[in-house]
Protein backbone atom coordinates (compact mmCIF):
# COMPACT_ATOMS: atom_id res chain seq x y z
CA MET A 1 8.22 16.86 -10.76
CA ILE A 2 11.31 18.65 -12.60
CA ARG A 3 14.63 17.18 -13.48
CA ILE A 4 17.10 19.89 -14.89
CA ALA A 5 20.67 18.60 -16.42
CA GLY A 6 22.44 21.72 -16.37
CA GLN A 7 25.34 19.80 -17.96
CA TYR A 8 23.16 19.33 -21.18
CA ASN A 9 20.98 22.35 -20.94
CA TYR A 10 18.16 20.02 -20.70
CA THR A 11 14.79 20.04 -18.69
CA LEU A 12 12.19 17.13 -18.21
CA THR A 13 9.03 17.56 -16.71
CA LEU A 14 6.73 14.96 -15.53
CA LEU A 15 3.25 15.48 -14.94
CA LEU A 16 1.69 13.18 -12.29
CA LEU A 17 -2.18 12.74 -12.48
CA PRO A 18 -2.79 10.32 -9.58
CA GLU A 19 -6.81 10.46 -9.85
CA ALA A 20 -6.97 10.34 -13.66
CA GLU A 21 -7.84 7.01 -15.14
CA TRP A 22 -5.76 5.56 -18.28
CA GLN A 23 -7.53 5.48 -21.62
CA GLY A 24 -5.35 4.17 -24.13
CA ALA A 25 -6.36 4.11 -28.23
CA ARG A 26 -9.45 2.06 -28.87
CA HIS A 27 -9.46 0.28 -32.25
CA ASP A 28 -12.54 -2.11 -32.83
CA ASP A 29 -10.54 -4.40 -35.36
CA GLU A 30 -7.55 -4.70 -33.44
CA GLU A 31 -6.56 -6.91 -30.10
CA PRO A 32 -6.16 -4.68 -27.10
CA GLU A 33 -2.53 -3.30 -26.43
CA GLU A 34 -0.71 -4.04 -23.29
CA ASP A 35 1.44 -1.33 -22.02
CA THR A 36 4.54 -1.83 -19.59
CA HIS A 37 2.82 -0.78 -16.44
CA ASP A 38 0.13 -3.40 -17.22
CA ARG A 39 2.77 -6.15 -17.83
CA PHE A 40 4.35 -5.38 -14.46
CA ILE A 41 1.16 -5.26 -12.58
CA ARG A 42 0.37 -8.87 -14.16
CA ASN A 43 3.54 -10.15 -13.09
CA GLY A 44 3.15 -9.00 -9.33
CA GLN A 45 5.57 -6.17 -9.66
CA PHE A 46 3.56 -3.35 -7.82
CA PRO A 47 4.88 0.24 -8.04
CA VAL A 48 6.30 1.75 -4.88
CA ARG A 49 4.97 5.07 -3.83
């Protein structure tokens, strides 16, 4: 997906990998981090496709 803002001479590209599994950084000595997507899912706000 590409969005172009000609007014600002700026292009934004978003790569979608629907079959990919998210693997965040793993640190054995720290508590697991929660990202924004996880927080939305936990609160019952599922993505709209």
